[in-house]
C-alpha cells in the first residue's frame, strides 16, 4: 500500500513474538484519506476538533468549486458534534448561513451551510 509521507502520523514498532524468523511488526498510522469531491461530508464518529478540521478543508474545496451550499452529516448522538460544528460555522468566513436539513431528508442530523458568493 502506498501512503503519502505527509499523511503519516505515527510509526510504531510492535513487540510481537517471532515466528519462523520473520521480523518484528511495524504499524504505520495515517490520517483519514482526503474527502471525496462533492457537496456532502460525513463526520459521524469524529470528535468536534477532528470534525471542524475536516469541515474547514471541505469548505475550502467547496468554495473553490463554486458550490452554493454543502451538507454536513453529523448524526444525532448527544448533539455535541452538531453544536460544536454550528459554533464553528457561525464564524467561518466562507459561510453565509446554516440550517438543519428538512425532516424528510435527515432533519437535525444534517446541517446545511449556505456559502458566500
PDB file of N, CA and C in Angstrom:
ATOM      1  N   UNK A   1       0.839  -1.169   0.000  1.00  0.00           N
ATOM      2  CA  UNK A   1       0.000   0.000   0.000  1.00  0.00           C
ATOM      3  C   UNK A   1       0.885   1.233   0.000  1.00  0.00           C
ATOM      4  N   UNK A   2       0.547   2.244  -0.814  1.00  0.00           N
ATOM      5  CA  UNK A   2       1.304   3.483  -0.861  1.00  0.00           C
ATOM      6  C   UNK A   2       0.605   4.532  -0.005  1.00  0.00           C
ATOM      7  N   UNK A   3       1.390   5.263   0.781  1.00  0.00           N
ATOM      8  CA  UNK A   3       0.874   6.318   1.655  1.00  0.00           C
ATOM      9  C   UNK A   3       1.765   7.532   1.487  1.00  0.00           C
ATOM     10  N   UNK A   4       1.147   8.700   1.289  1.00  0.00           N
ATOM     11  CA  UNK A   4       1.944   9.927   1.191  1.00  0.00           C
ATOM     12  C   UNK A   4       2.614  10.194   2.525  1.00  0.00           C
ATOM     13  N   UNK A   5       3.873  10.601   2.503  1.00  0.00           N
ATOM     14  CA  UNK A   5       4.600  10.873   3.745  1.00  0.00           C
ATOM     15  C   UNK A   5       3.892  11.911   4.602  1.00  0.00           C
ATOM     16  N   UNK A   6       3.262  12.899   3.984  1.00  0.00           N
ATOM     17  CA  UNK A   6       2.579  13.948   4.739  1.00  0.00           C
ATOM     18  C   UNK A   6       1.405  13.401   5.534  1.00  0.00           C
ATOM     19  N   UNK A   7       0.869  12.230   5.140  1.00  0.00           N
ATOM     20  CA  UNK A   7      -0.288  11.663   5.819  1.00  0.00           C
ATOM     21  C   UNK A   7       0.078  10.755   6.986  1.00  0.00           C
ATOM     22  N   UNK A   8       1.351  10.427   7.151  1.00  0.00           N
ATOM     23  CA  UNK A   8       1.765   9.540   8.233  1.00  0.00           C
ATOM     24  C   UNK A   8       1.791  10.313   9.541  1.00  0.00           C
ATOM     25  N   UNK A   9       1.069   9.801  10.537  1.00  0.00           N
ATOM     26  CA  UNK A   9       1.018  10.464  11.833  1.00  0.00           C
ATOM     27  C   UNK A   9       1.859   9.755  12.884  1.00  0.00           C
ATOM     28  N   UNK A  10       2.162   8.466  12.686  1.00  0.00           N
ATOM     29  CA  UNK A  10       2.992   7.737  13.650  1.00  0.00           C
ATOM     30  C   UNK A  10       3.481   6.440  13.036  1.00  0.00           C
ATOM     31  N   UNK A  11       4.653   6.005  13.491  1.00  0.00           N
ATOM     32  CA  UNK A  11       5.194   4.691  13.139  1.00  0.00           C
ATOM     33  C   UNK A  11       5.541   4.029  14.458  1.00  0.00           C
ATOM     34  N   UNK A  12       4.943   2.873  14.701  1.00  0.00           N
ATOM     35  CA  UNK A  12       5.103   2.208  15.988  1.00  0.00           C
ATOM     36  C   UNK A  12       5.634   0.801  15.766  1.00  0.00           C
ATOM     37  N   UNK A  13       6.766   0.490  16.397  1.00  0.00           N
ATOM     38  CA  UNK A  13       7.297  -0.876  16.343  1.00  0.00           C
ATOM     39  C   UNK A  13       6.510  -1.709  17.328  1.00  0.00           C
ATOM     40  N   UNK A  14       6.075  -2.867  16.889  1.00  0.00           N
ATOM     41  CA  UNK A  14       5.296  -3.752  17.744  1.00  0.00           C
ATOM     42  C   UNK A  14       6.193  -4.857  18.291  1.00  0.00           C
ATOM     43  N   UNK A  15       6.004  -5.168  19.547  1.00  0.00           N
ATOM     44  CA  UNK A  15       6.777  -6.233  20.178  1.00  0.00           C
ATOM     45  C   UNK A  15       5.992  -7.528  20.015  1.00  0.00           C
ATOM     46  N   UNK A  16       6.157  -8.160  18.864  1.00  0.00           N
ATOM     47  CA  UNK A  16       5.437  -9.390  18.567  1.00  0.00           C
ATOM     48  C   UNK A  16       6.378 -10.579  18.712  1.00  0.00           C
ATOM     49  N   UNK A  17       5.844 -11.713  19.092  1.00  0.00           N
ATOM     50  CA  UNK A  17       6.701 -12.894  19.154  1.00  0.00           C
ATOM     51  C   UNK A  17       7.142 -13.278  17.744  1.00  0.00           C
ATOM     52  N   UNK A  18       8.417 -13.649  17.635  1.00  0.00           N
ATOM     53  CA  UNK A  18       8.952 -14.019  16.316  1.00  0.00           C
ATOM     54  C   UNK A  18       8.420 -15.401  15.925  1.00  0.00           C
ATOM     55  N   UNK A  19       7.988 -15.472  14.661  1.00  0.00           N
ATOM     56  CA  UNK A  19       7.536 -16.758  14.131  1.00  0.00           C
ATOM     57  C   UNK A  19       8.334 -17.058  12.881  1.00  0.00           C
ATOM     58  N   UNK A  20       8.947 -18.196  12.856  1.00  0.00           N
ATOM     59  CA  UNK A  20       9.684 -18.651  11.679  1.00  0.00           C
ATOM     60  C   UNK A  20      10.683 -17.618  11.177  1.00  0.00           C
ATOM     61  N   UNK A  21      11.299 -16.883  12.095  1.00  0.00           N
ATOM     62  CA  UNK A  21      12.338 -15.946  11.714  1.00  0.00           C
ATOM     63  C   UNK A  21      11.851 -14.667  11.049  1.00  0.00           C
ATOM     64  N   UNK A  22      10.554 -14.401  11.083  1.00  0.00           N
ATOM     65  CA  UNK A  22      10.031 -13.172  10.481  1.00  0.00           C
ATOM     66  C   UNK A  22      10.395 -11.969  11.337  1.00  0.00           C
ATOM     67  N   UNK A  23      10.606 -10.801  10.735  1.00  0.00           N
ATOM     68  CA  UNK A  23      10.973  -9.604  11.500  1.00  0.00           C
ATOM     69  C   UNK A  23       9.811  -9.125  12.373  1.00  0.00           C
ATOM     70  N   UNK A  24      10.164  -8.286  13.344  1.00  0.00           N
ATOM     71  CA  UNK A  24       9.153  -7.695  14.215  1.00  0.00           C
ATOM     72  C   UNK A  24       8.171  -6.871  13.389  1.00  0.00           C
ATOM     73  N   UNK A  25       6.950  -6.690  13.886  1.00  0.00           N
ATOM     74  CA  UNK A  25       5.922  -5.947  13.173  1.00  0.00           C
ATOM     75  C   UNK A  25       6.079  -4.439  13.323  1.00  0.00           C
ATOM     76  N   UNK A  26       5.569  -3.719  12.368  1.00  0.00           N
ATOM     77  CA  UNK A  26       5.559  -2.260  12.389  1.00  0.00           C
ATOM     78  C   UNK A  26       4.167  -1.800  11.984  1.00  0.00           C
ATOM     79  N   UNK A  27       3.610  -0.850  12.722  1.00  0.00           N
ATOM     80  CA  UNK A  27       2.317  -0.269  12.386  1.00  0.00           C
ATOM     81  C   UNK A  27       2.538   1.164  11.941  1.00  0.00           C
ATOM     82  N   UNK A  28       1.940   1.529  10.819  1.00  0.00           N
ATOM     83  CA  UNK A  28       2.001   2.904  10.325  1.00  0.00           C
ATOM     84  C   UNK A  28       0.605   3.482  10.450  1.00  0.00           C
ATOM     85  N   UNK A  29       0.490   4.565  11.190  1.00  0.00           N
ATOM     86  CA  UNK A  29      -0.810   5.227  11.352  1.00  0.00           C
ATOM     87  C   UNK A  29      -0.874   6.420  10.416  1.00  0.00           C
ATOM     88  N   UNK A  30      -2.021   6.567   9.749  1.00  0.00           N
ATOM     89  CA  UNK A  30      -2.171   7.668   8.806  1.00  0.00           C
ATOM     90  C   UNK A  30      -3.428   8.473   9.101  1.00  0.00           C
ATOM     91  N   UNK A  31      -3.484   9.655   8.501  1.00  0.00           N
ATOM     92  CA  UNK A  31      -4.683  10.474   8.576  1.00  0.00           C
ATOM     93  C   UNK A  31      -5.738   9.845   7.680  1.00  0.00           C
ATOM     94  N   UNK A  32      -7.033  10.187   7.916  1.00  0.00           N
ATOM     95  CA  UNK A  32      -8.058   9.683   7.002  1.00  0.00           C
ATOM     96  C   UNK A  32      -7.791  10.217   5.595  1.00  0.00           C
ATOM     97  N   UNK A  33      -8.205   9.490   4.575  1.00  0.00           N
ATOM     98  CA  UNK A  33      -7.987   9.980   3.216  1.00  0.00           C
ATOM     99  C   UNK A  33      -8.742  11.280   2.981  1.00  0.00           C
ATOM    100  N   UNK A  34      -8.307  12.012   1.970  1.00  0.00           N
ATOM    101  CA  UNK A  34      -8.992  13.251   1.613  1.00  0.00           C
ATOM    102  C   UNK A  34     -10.464  12.954   1.366  1.00  0.00           C
ATOM    103  N   UNK A  35     -11.291  13.907   1.721  1.00  0.00           N
ATOM    104  CA  UNK A  35     -12.723  13.752   1.487  1.00  0.00           C
ATOM    105  C   UNK A  35     -12.976  13.713  -0.010  1.00  0.00           C
ATOM    106  N   UNK A  36     -13.931  12.911  -0.418  1.00  0.00           N
ATOM    107  CA  UNK A  36     -14.249  12.891  -1.842  1.00  0.00           C
ATOM    108  C   UNK A  36     -14.826  14.239  -2.271  1.00  0.00           C
ATOM    109  N   UNK A  37     -14.623  14.568  -3.526  1.00  0.00           N
ATOM    110  CA  UNK A  37     -15.177  15.812  -4.048  1.00  0.00           C
ATOM    111  C   UNK A  37     -16.697  15.687  -4.039  1.00  0.00           C
ATOM    112  N   UNK A  38     -17.356  16.772  -3.819  1.00  0.00           N
ATOM    113  CA  UNK A  38     -18.810  16.772  -3.807  1.00  0.00           C
ATOM    114  C   UNK A  38     -19.317  17.860  -2.895  1.00  0.00           C
ATOM    115  N   UNK A  39     -20.581  17.784  -2.576  1.00  0.00           N
ATOM    116  CA  UNK A  39     -21.206  18.804  -1.747  1.00  0.00           C
ATOM    117  C   UNK A  39     -21.704  18.231  -0.426  1.00  0.00           C
ATOM    118  N   UNK A  40     -21.084  17.131   0.029  1.00  0.00           N
ATOM    119  CA  UNK A  40     -21.522  16.479   1.250  1.00  0.00           C
ATOM    120  C   UNK A  40     -20.315  15.876   1.953  1.00  0.00           C
ATOM    121  N   UNK A  41     -20.286  16.000   3.276  1.00  0.00           N
ATOM    122  CA  UNK A  41     -19.229  15.397   4.079  1.00  0.00           C
ATOM    123  C   UNK A  41     -19.878  14.696   5.269  1.00  0.00           C
ATOM    124  N   UNK A  42     -19.361  13.536   5.612  1.00  0.00           N
ATOM    125  CA  UNK A  42     -19.878  12.759   6.733  1.00  0.00           C
ATOM    126  C   UNK A  42     -18.825  12.773   7.838  1.00  0.00           C
ATOM    127  N   UNK A  43     -19.174  13.339   8.990  1.00  0.00           N
ATOM    128  CA  UNK A  43     -18.239  13.408  10.114  1.00  0.00           C
ATOM    129  C   UNK A  43     -18.758  12.643  11.331  1.00  0.00           C
ATOM    130  N   UNK A  44     -19.696  11.740  11.104  1.00  0.00           N
ATOM    131  CA  UNK A  44     -20.233  10.927  12.202  1.00  0.00           C
ATOM    132  C   UNK A  44     -19.090  10.159  12.853  1.00  0.00           C
ATOM    133  N   UNK A  45     -19.016  10.197  14.175  1.00  0.00           N
ATOM    134  CA  UNK A  45     -17.983   9.483  14.916  1.00  0.00           C
ATOM    135  C   UNK A  45     -16.726  10.292  15.176  1.00  0.00           C
ATOM    136  N   UNK A  46     -16.624  11.471  14.578  1.00  0.00           N
ATOM    137  CA  UNK A  46     -15.450  12.330  14.804  1.00  0.00           C
ATOM    138  C   UNK A  46     -15.604  13.104  16.107  1.00  0.00           C
ATOM    139  N   UNK A  47     -14.493  13.515  16.668  1.00  0.00           N
ATOM    140  CA  UNK A  47     -14.548  14.487  17.762  1.00  0.00           C
ATOM    141  C   UNK A  47     -14.877  15.840  17.149  1.00  0.00           C
ATOM    142  N   UNK A  48     -15.274  16.803  17.959  1.00  0.00           N
ATOM    143  CA  UNK A  48     -15.573  18.140  17.446  1.00  0.00           C
ATOM    144  C   UNK A  48     -14.317  18.726  16.803  1.00  0.00           C
ATOM    145  N   UNK A  49     -13.176  18.525  17.421  1.00  0.00           N
ATOM    146  CA  UNK A  49     -11.914  19.052  16.882  1.00  0.00           C
ATOM    147  C   UNK A  49     -11.600  18.454  15.511  1.00  0.00           C
ATOM    148  N   UNK A  50     -11.696  17.143  15.393  1.00  0.00           N
ATOM    149  CA  UNK A  50     -11.420  16.496  14.113  1.00  0.00           C
ATOM    150  C   UNK A  50     -12.447  16.908  13.059  1.00  0.00           C
ATOM    151  N   UNK A  51     -13.724  16.966  13.451  1.00  0.00           N
ATOM    152  CA  UNK A  51     -14.782  17.344  12.510  1.00  0.00           C
ATOM    153  C   UNK A  51     -14.589  18.771  12.004  1.00  0.00           C
ATOM    154  N   UNK A  52     -14.241  19.703  12.882  1.00  0.00           N
ATOM    155  CA  UNK A  52     -14.053  21.082  12.428  1.00  0.00           C
ATOM    156  C   UNK A  52     -12.861  21.196  11.485  1.00  0.00           C
ATOM    157  N   UNK A  53     -11.801  20.429  11.748  1.00  0.00           N
ATOM    158  CA  UNK A  53     -10.648  20.430  10.847  1.00  0.00           C
ATOM    159  C   UNK A  53     -11.042  19.905   9.477  1.00  0.00           C
ATOM    160  N   UNK A  54     -11.774  18.798   9.448  1.00  0.00           N
ATOM    161  CA  UNK A  54     -12.192  18.206   8.176  1.00  0.00           C
ATOM    162  C   UNK A  54     -13.182  19.100   7.437  1.00  0.00           C
ATOM    163  N   UNK A  55     -14.129  19.671   8.170  1.00  0.00           N
ATOM    164  CA  UNK A  55     -15.127  20.543   7.546  1.00  0.00           C
ATOM    165  C   UNK A  55     -14.471  21.813   7.013  1.00  0.00           C
ATOM    166  N   UNK A  56     -13.483  22.339   7.722  1.00  0.00           N
ATOM    167  CA  UNK A  56     -12.787  23.539   7.253  1.00  0.00           C
ATOM    168  C   UNK A  56     -12.134  23.284   5.894  1.00  0.00           C
ATOM    169  N   UNK A  57     -11.428  22.168   5.755  1.00  0.00           N
ATOM    170  CA  UNK A  57     -10.813  21.812   4.476  1.00  0.00           C
ATOM    171  C   UNK A  57     -11.883  21.586   3.410  1.00  0.00           C
ATOM    172  N   UNK A  58     -12.961  20.932   3.795  1.00  0.00           N
ATOM    173  CA  UNK A  58     -14.058  20.650   2.875  1.00  0.00           C
ATOM    174  C   UNK A  58     -14.681  21.948   2.357  1.00  0.00           C
ATOM    175  N   UNK A  59     -14.878  22.929   3.239  1.00  0.00           N
ATOM    176  CA  UNK A  59     -15.443  24.222   2.832  1.00  0.00           C
ATOM    177  C   UNK A  59     -14.521  24.943   1.856  1.00  0.00           C
ATOM    178  N   UNK A  60     -13.226  24.857   2.080  1.00  0.00           N
ATOM    179  CA  UNK A  60     -12.270  25.464   1.149  1.00  0.00           C
ATOM    180  C   UNK A  60     -12.423  24.863  -0.245  1.00  0.00           C
ATOM    181  N   UNK A  61     -12.501  23.523  -0.311  1.00  0.00           N
ATOM    182  CA  UNK A  61     -12.650  22.856  -1.604  1.00  0.00           C
ATOM    183  C   UNK A  61     -13.994  23.193  -2.244  1.00  0.00           C
ATOM    184  N   UNK A  62     -15.046  23.273  -1.439  1.00  0.00           N
ATOM    185  CA  UNK A  62     -16.378  23.605  -1.967  1.00  0.00           C
ATOM    186  C   UNK A  62     -16.403  25.020  -2.529  1.00  0.00           C
ATOM    187  N   UNK A  63     -15.756  25.950  -1.841  1.00  0.00           N
ATOM    188  CA  UNK A  63     -15.706  27.336  -2.324  1.00  0.00           C
ATOM    189  C   UNK A  63     -14.925  27.417  -3.632  1.00  0.00           C
ATOM    190  N   UNK A  64     -13.812  26.688  -3.728  1.00  0.00           N
ATOM    191  CA  UNK A  64     -13.033  26.676  -4.964  1.00  0.00           C
ATOM    192  C   UNK A  64     -13.825  26.072  -6.117  1.00  0.00           C
ATOM    193  N   UNK A  65     -14.739  25.155  -5.810  1.00  0.00           N
ATOM    194  CA  UNK A  65     -15.577  24.520  -6.828  1.00  0.00           C
ATOM    195  C   UNK A  65     -16.838  25.340  -7.106  1.00  0.00           C
ATOM    196  N   UNK A  66     -16.954  26.513  -6.474  1.00  0.00           N
ATOM    197  CA  UNK A  66     -18.104  27.412  -6.641  1.00  0.00           C
ATOM    198  C   UNK A  66     -19.423  26.788  -6.201  1.00  0.00           C
ATOM    199  N   UNK A  67     -19.386  25.961  -5.162  1.00  0.00           N
ATOM    200  CA  UNK A  67     -20.618  25.387  -4.618  1.00  0.00           C
ATOM    201  C   UNK A  67     -21.384  26.467  -3.872  1.00  0.00           C
ATOM    202  N   UNK A  68     -22.706  26.416  -3.965  1.00  0.00           N
ATOM    203  CA  UNK A  68     -23.521  27.409  -3.260  1.00  0.00           C
ATOM    204  C   UNK A  68     -23.892  26.934  -1.859  1.00  0.00           C
ATOM    205  N   UNK A  69     -23.917  25.619  -1.654  1.00  0.00           N
ATOM    206  CA  UNK A  69     -24.211  25.073  -0.330  1.00  0.00           C
ATOM    207  C   UNK A  69     -23.591  23.698  -0.191  1.00  0.00           C
ATOM    208  N   UNK A  70     -23.410  23.277   1.067  1.00  0.00           N
ATOM    209  CA  UNK A  70     -22.889  21.943   1.366  1.00  0.00           C
ATOM    210  C   UNK A  70     -23.725  21.316   2.467  1.00  0.00           C
ATOM    211  N   UNK A  71     -23.718  19.982   2.484  1.00  0.00           N
ATOM    212  CA  UNK A  71     -24.402  19.209   3.535  1.00  0.00           C
ATOM    213  C   UNK A  71     -23.336  18.619   4.441  1.00  0.00           C
ATOM    214  N   UNK A  72     -23.520  18.797   5.740  1.00  0.00           N
ATOM    215  CA  UNK A  72     -22.595  18.237   6.729  1.00  0.00           C
ATOM    216  C   UNK A  72     -23.380  17.231   7.561  1.00  0.00           C
ATOM    217  N   UNK A  73     -23.036  15.960   7.400  1.00  0.00           N
ATOM    218  CA  UNK A  73     -23.744  14.889   8.104  1.00  0.00           C
ATOM    219  C   UNK A  73     -23.004  14.603   9.399  1.00  0.00           C
ATOM    220  N   UNK A  74     -23.652  14.887  10.534  1.00  0.00           N
ATOM    221  CA  UNK A  74     -23.019  14.687  11.840  1.00  0.00           C
ATOM    222  C   UNK A  74     -23.797  13.731  12.720  1.00  0.00           C
ATOM    223  N   UNK A  75     -24.990  13.348  12.317  1.00  0.00           N
ATOM    224  CA  UNK A  75     -25.798  12.418  13.089  1.00  0.00           C
ATOM    225  C   UNK A  75     -26.486  13.092  14.267  1.00  0.00           C
ATOM    226  N   UNK A  76     -27.268  12.297  14.996  1.00  0.00           N
ATOM    227  CA  UNK A  76     -27.989  12.821  16.155  1.00  0.00           C
ATOM    228  C   UNK A  76     -27.133  12.737  17.413  1.00  0.00           C
ATOM    229  N   UNK A  77     -26.777  11.536  17.824  1.00  0.00           N
ATOM    230  CA  UNK A  77     -25.940  11.333  19.015  1.00  0.00           C
ATOM    231  C   UNK A  77     -26.384  12.169  20.197  1.00  0.00           C
ATOM    232  N   UNK A  78     -25.412  12.738  20.903  1.00  0.00           N
ATOM    233  CA  UNK A  78     -25.708  13.574  22.071  1.00  0.00           C
ATOM    234  C   UNK A  78     -25.976  15.016  21.667  1.00  0.00           C
ATOM    235  N   UNK A  79     -25.665  15.362  20.426  1.00  0.00           N
ATOM    236  CA  UNK A  79     -25.839  16.730  19.949  1.00  0.00           C
ATOM    237  C   UNK A  79     -24.586  17.577  20.101  1.00  0.00           C
ATOM    238  N   UNK A  80     -23.557  17.042  20.742  1.00  0.00           N
ATOM    239  CA  UNK A  80     -22.326  17.812  20.963  1.00  0.00           C
ATOM    240  C   UNK A  80     -21.645  18.153  19.642  1.00  0.00           C
ATOM    241  N   UNK A  81     -21.615  17.218  18.715  1.00  0.00           N
ATOM    242  CA  UNK A  81     -20.974  17.461  17.427  1.00  0.00           C
ATOM    243  C   UNK A  81     -21.755  18.513  16.635  1.00  0.00           C
ATOM    244  N   UNK A  82     -23.076  18.408  16.630  1.00  0.00           N
ATOM    245  CA  UNK A  82     -23.912  19.392  15.939  1.00  0.00           C
ATOM    246  C   UNK A  82     -23.685  20.782  16.513  1.00  0.00           C
ATOM    247  N   UNK A  83     -23.665  20.895  17.842  1.00  0.00           N
ATOM    248  CA  UNK A  83     -23.468  22.204  18.488  1.00  0.00           C
ATOM    249  C   UNK A  83     -22.070  22.759  18.222  1.00  0.00           C
ATOM    250  N   UNK A  84     -21.056  21.894  18.326  1.00  0.00           N
ATOM    251  CA  UNK A  84     -19.686  22.339  18.079  1.00  0.00           C
ATOM    252  C   UNK A  84     -19.494  22.816  16.655  1.00  0.00           C
ATOM    253  N   UNK A  85     -20.056  22.076  15.697  1.00  0.00           N
ATOM    254  CA  UNK A  85     -19.953  22.494  14.297  1.00  0.00           C
ATOM    255  C   UNK A  85     -20.736  23.776  14.039  1.00  0.00           C
ATOM    256  N   UNK A  86     -21.887  23.930  14.682  1.00  0.00           N
ATOM    257  CA  UNK A  86     -22.678  25.153  14.500  1.00  0.00           C
ATOM    258  C   UNK A  86     -21.896  26.372  14.970  1.00  0.00           C
ATOM    259  N   UNK A  87     -21.232  26.267  16.111  1.00  0.00           N
ATOM    260  CA  UNK A  87     -20.421  27.388  16.607  1.00  0.00           C
ATOM    261  C   UNK A  87     -19.288  27.704  15.642  1.00  0.00           C
ATOM    262  N   UNK A  88     -18.655  26.664  15.122  1.00  0.00           N
ATOM    263  CA  UNK A  88     -17.566  26.842  14.157  1.00  0.00           C
ATOM    264  C   UNK A  88     -18.076  27.503  12.874  1.00  0.00           C
ATOM    265  N   UNK A  89     -19.195  27.010  12.351  1.00  0.00           N
ATOM    266  CA  UNK A  89     -19.727  27.509  11.078  1.00  0.00           C
ATOM    267  C   UNK A  89     -20.252  28.942  11.178  1.00  0.00           C
ATOM    268  N   UNK A  90     -20.776  29.329  12.341  1.00  0.00           N
ATOM    269  CA  UNK A  90     -21.315  30.685  12.507  1.00  0.00           C
ATOM    270  C   UNK A  90     -20.256  31.759  12.289  1.00  0.00           C
ATOM    271  N   UNK A  91     -19.008  31.431  12.559  1.00  0.00           N
ATOM    272  CA  UNK A  91     -17.933  32.420  12.423  1.00  0.00           C
ATOM    273  C   UNK A  91     -17.019  32.152  11.230  1.00  0.00           C
ATOM    274  N   UNK A  92     -17.336  31.133  10.439  1.00  0.00           N
ATOM    275  CA  UNK A  92     -16.467  30.783   9.310  1.00  0.00           C
ATOM    276  C   UNK A  92     -16.626  31.820   8.198  1.00  0.00           C
ATOM    277  N   UNK A  93     -15.524  32.323   7.654  1.00  0.00           N
ATOM    278  CA  UNK A  93     -15.595  33.387   6.652  1.00  0.00           C
ATOM    279  C   UNK A  93     -16.241  32.987   5.325  1.00  0.00           C
ATOM    280  N   UNK A  94     -16.362  31.702   5.031  1.00  0.00           N
ATOM    281  CA  UNK A  94     -16.970  31.273   3.769  1.00  0.00           C
ATOM    282  C   UNK A  94     -18.463  30.975   3.891  1.00  0.00           C
ATOM    283  N   UNK A  95     -18.985  30.955   5.133  1.00  0.00           N
ATOM    284  CA  UNK A  95     -20.364  30.540   5.370  1.00  0.00           C
ATOM    285  C   UNK A  95     -21.274  31.748   5.581  1.00  0.00           C
ATOM    286  N   UNK A  96     -22.345  31.774   4.788  1.00  0.00           N
ATOM    287  CA  UNK A  96     -23.353  32.836   4.904  1.00  0.00           C
ATOM    288  C   UNK A  96     -24.356  32.497   6.006  1.00  0.00           C
ATOM    289  N   UNK A  97     -24.988  31.329   5.901  1.00  0.00           N
ATOM    290  CA  UNK A  97     -25.981  30.900   6.892  1.00  0.00           C
ATOM    291  C   UNK A  97     -25.897  29.387   7.078  1.00  0.00           C
ATOM    292  N   UNK A  98     -26.454  28.920   8.196  1.00  0.00           N
ATOM    293  CA  UNK A  98     -26.565  27.483   8.434  1.00  0.00           C
ATOM    294  C   UNK A  98     -27.989  27.182   8.876  1.00  0.00           C
ATOM    295  N   UNK A  99     -28.404  25.951   8.589  1.00  0.00           N
ATOM    296  CA  UNK A  99     -29.736  25.492   8.997  1.00  0.00           C
ATOM    297  C   UNK A  99     -29.736  23.971   9.016  1.00  0.00           C
ATOM    298  N   UNK A 100     -30.720  23.402   9.685  1.00  0.00           N
ATOM    299  CA  UNK A 100     -30.883  21.946   9.661  1.00  0.00           C
ATOM    300  C   UNK A 100     -31.538  21.546   8.349  1.00  0.00           C
ATOM    301  N   UNK A 101     -31.266  20.342   7.920  1.00  0.00           N
ATOM    302  CA  UNK A 101     -31.867  19.796   6.711  1.00  0.00           C
ATOM    303  C   UNK A 101     -33.358  19.575   6.958  1.00  0.00           C
ATOM    304  N   UNK A 102     -34.145  19.477   5.900  1.00  0.00           N
ATOM    305  CA  UNK A 102     -35.574  19.186   6.006  1.00  0.00           C
ATOM    306  C   UNK A 102     -35.759  17.850   6.717  1.00  0.00           C
ATOM    307  N   UNK A 103     -36.833  17.717   7.478  1.00  0.00           N
ATOM    308  CA  UNK A 103     -37.083  16.497   8.255  1.00  0.00           C
ATOM    309  C   UNK A 103     -37.068  15.246   7.399  1.00  0.00           C
ATOM    310  N   UNK A 104     -37.632  15.297   6.201  1.00  0.00           N
ATOM    311  CA  UNK A 104     -37.684  14.111   5.360  1.00  0.00           C
ATOM    312  C   UNK A 104     -36.344  13.785   4.696  1.00  0.00           C
ATOM    313  N   UNK A 105     -35.337  14.631   4.907  1.00  0.00           N
ATOM    314  CA  UNK A 105     -34.010  14.406   4.325  1.00  0.00           C
ATOM    315  C   UNK A 105     -32.921  14.277   5.386  1.00  0.00           C
ATOM    316  N   UNK A 106     -33.318  14.101   6.658  1.00  0.00           N
ATOM    317  CA  UNK A 106     -32.326  13.900   7.714  1.00  0.00           C
ATOM    318  C   UNK A 106     -32.497  14.808   8.912  1.00  0.00           C
ATOM    319  N   UNK A 107     -33.216  15.910   8.760  1.00  0.00           N
ATOM    320  CA  UNK A 107     -33.511  16.801   9.877  1.00  0.00           C
ATOM    321  C   UNK A 107     -32.283  17.300  10.606  1.00  0.00           C
ATOM    322  N   UNK A 108     -32.342  17.246  11.923  1.00  0.00           N
ATOM    323  CA  UNK A 108     -31.283  17.793  12.775  1.00  0.00           C
ATOM    324  C   UNK A 108     -29.975  16.990  12.716  1.00  0.00           C
ATOM    325  N   UNK A 109     -29.964  15.858  12.029  1.00  0.00           N
ATOM    326  CA  UNK A 109     -28.742  15.061  11.895  1.00  0.00           C
ATOM    327  C   UNK A 109     -27.832  15.597  10.796  1.00  0.00           C
ATOM    328  N   UNK A 110     -28.338  16.578  10.036  1.00  0.00           N
ATOM    329  CA  UNK A 110     -27.583  17.142   8.912  1.00  0.00           C
ATOM    330  C   UNK A 110     -27.686  18.663   8.965  1.00  0.00           C
ATOM    331  N   UNK A 111     -26.548  19.328   8.804  1.00  0.00           N
ATOM    332  CA  UNK A 111     -26.521  20.787   8.739  1.00  0.00           C
ATOM    333  C   UNK A 111     -26.247  21.206   7.306  1.00  0.00           C
ATOM    334  N   UNK A 112     -27.037  22.171   6.833  1.00  0.00           N
ATOM    335  CA  UNK A 112     -26.818  22.764   5.520  1.00  0.00           C
ATOM    336  C   UNK A 112     -26.115  24.090   5.730  1.00  0.00           C
ATOM    337  N   UNK A 113     -25.002  24.282   5.051  1.00  0.00           N
ATOM    338  CA  UNK A 113     -24.279  25.555   5.116  1.00  0.00           C
ATOM    339  C   UNK A 113     -24.372  26.223   3.756  1.00  0.00           C
ATOM    340  N   UNK A 114     -24.991  27.413   3.728  1.00  0.00           N
ATOM    341  CA  UNK A 114     -25.048  28.205   2.504  1.00  0.00           C
ATOM    342  C   UNK A 114     -23.740  28.986   2.450  1.00  0.00           C
ATOM    343  N   UNK A 115     -23.044  28.924   1.318  1.00  0.00           N
ATOM    344  CA  UNK A 115     -21.752  29.575   1.188  1.00  0.00           C
ATOM    345  C   UNK A 115     -21.889  30.981   0.596  1.00  0.00           C
ATOM    346  N   UNK A 116     -20.969  31.844   0.988  1.00  0.00           N
ATOM    347  CA  UNK A 116     -20.946  33.214   0.448  1.00  0.00           C
ATOM    348  C   UNK A 116     -20.502  33.153  -1.004  1.00  0.00           C
ATOM    349  N   UNK A 117     -20.956  34.127  -1.776  1.00  0.00           N
ATOM    350  CA  UNK A 117     -20.547  34.185  -3.193  1.00  0.00           C
ATOM    351  C   UNK A 117     -19.279  34.951  -3.354  1.00  0.00           C
TER     352      UNK A 117
END
